């Protein structure tokens, strides 16, 4: 009896285990089938037979072979069917069908299939059957386009009974269509008319509107504007309607600057006036002329003067060199706009009567190829500005007609240039073909050994070569620091995280060692950007042109590089804080000095991301926050994003302004949590239509 009980117990346990196994198996079967049916179907792009119609339309469907098993080896050699679902039968030589048994008999060996046709990609599936982002971008997603209207709406507010009424803008209207490429400080026609002289290029310099008379509307995009072509394809082509101007094509098409591609694109062959066979070949020639010019190592930061459409800088990017490409807004007024649309760093700037907005010893190499600048005028005052910005031991490359042509007037210009550079203690390293390359000395010994009274003289020791905003050019040689600061920078990429010597000369109040402060800022931003990449999926945004509006030591830009985001960052140092630009350039980054109470020297719709950390809590003491926000809207592309990290007490007003401009704001907590005094305001810009 006891034995029987044990058997019953054993049978019962076995039955339970068996039932559980069957249940689990059936559950997995149905779950697997449901999952497979829902998301794992094989998607194919089919097409109609070209013989059936003159033009065919690609369609998307489920493979007829879905859920079937095949011999893969046989499938690899199979020929392409004429239609999606009709199989191709084997035939005899006389045209009659062959049975399956005959087809595989020794008397009828399989014939060699014809070569497969060229595979054309449609959508986002490439020729290998894998997902790809190399596809054409069409019009804006209708969900990202808003009908906005032109009128500005004002709302009256009264805080307390009997108090004076206040007004706020509930909705900013769109500007007139004629302002779609408006740069307030460069297009101030009234101020330009009042200039006493324009012979030295004064009209191309900054002439900002008076306070209260600046931008008060939203600059519209041109009709037909599309999301920009993503990098790196944008280096070679951009949408026509994003920069709808053909003058450069007419003027410079024969020099391989730019050409029209079909009805809706511009293409950039990569040439220039002096290098019509391409920038790559030109760069190779420079490296062969002077082997010490090692792009991407000792040569990291470059200035291209009179850059055209910035092909020189565009091709240097692949050599780990970042180039600030500059040109005035002159008769070729859209060249900088083309450069930025391509995804290449650029600014509107001119050699005229004031210092450029870059620090001393900023650039490892300065390049001028047919830049149409008279370097020897006014005792060489323009070349002295080049000398100020050129790093000790840096190079100046000049490609121009006086270098290689033997006409009398041009030979005289060459002699004047040679005489001036000799007095500047520059060493002519190499002259070959149409290029001449000089090197700046590493110290002041040559300057001090010149004969008394030599022109130009050394600048006064009290002159600050890093003081640049609205400072006139000076006809003197900027001194090289006796301690070697600026000359001794590490090669790239080590210099990105190496605290530079000039860190010690920045006028800041530091409670800890400056090198520790530098490292702490780098670590801080690296952690934040890493969290943006991880949690907010920054790598999916296809960011390219990025601006850090309050850059500090450039920690945010360095973090973008460390986190392998394929973007470049323009580091803006506000005049309201310490001038950290020398440190930024010594790290191998680029930047500019700016006053955010005024307009920035760039075209509308040129940046994908604007980053502002602690900017508004400082600048609101100097100017209206709506002034800065309207300027941000002007330079931000439709579809672009804004990240504002600032104190909680400015966030309400910033959100109101953002909504009035048609942005879509979202307020987020920082990593410190909801009780922190800081917040992050994330804004998306839509494409607004009237």
Foldseek 3Di string as FASTA:
>chain_A
DVVVVVVVVVVVVVVVVVVVVVVVVVVCVVVVVVVCVPPVFDKDWFWAACVVDVDIDIDIDTQPCPPHDDDVVVVVQDADDNGRPDDDFDADPVGHGDDPVRCVDPVNDDDRDDDHDDDDDDDQQDPVRDGHPPDDFAADDPVQEAAAAADWDKDWDDDDPPDDIDIDTQAAGEDDQVCLWPFQQLPVVVVLVPDPDCPQPPSLDGDHDDPPPHDRHFRAFFPRDHDWDFPPVLLFKTWCSRPVDCPCCVVCVVLQQWHDDPDTMIGGSAGDNLRSVHLVVVVVVVCVQPVVPQQQWLFAEEEEALQQLPSNQSVSVVSNHAYEYEETCPPSNCSQVNNLSSLHHYFYDDQGWFQFFAFFLQGQEYEYAPNPDLQPPPNRLSVLSVLRNHFAFHKYKYFDCLLADDDPVSVVSVVSVVVSCVLQVWAFSDRDHRMTMTTHHQFCPVLVPDDPPRWPHADDPPDHRNPGDVHTGDRHHYHQDPVSFSRDFGIPPVLLLDQGPCLVVWPDDDPDDSNVVSNVLLVVLLVVVVCCCVPVVVLVLSFAEEEEQDQALNSNQSSCVVVPRNYAYAYEHEPLDIPNNSSNSSNSHHYGYDHLSTAGRDTFARGQEYEYEAPCVRCVVPHPPLSNVSNVSRNHHQQHKYKYKHFPVCVVVVVSSCVSHVKDWDKADDPVDDPDRIIIIMIHHGNYHD
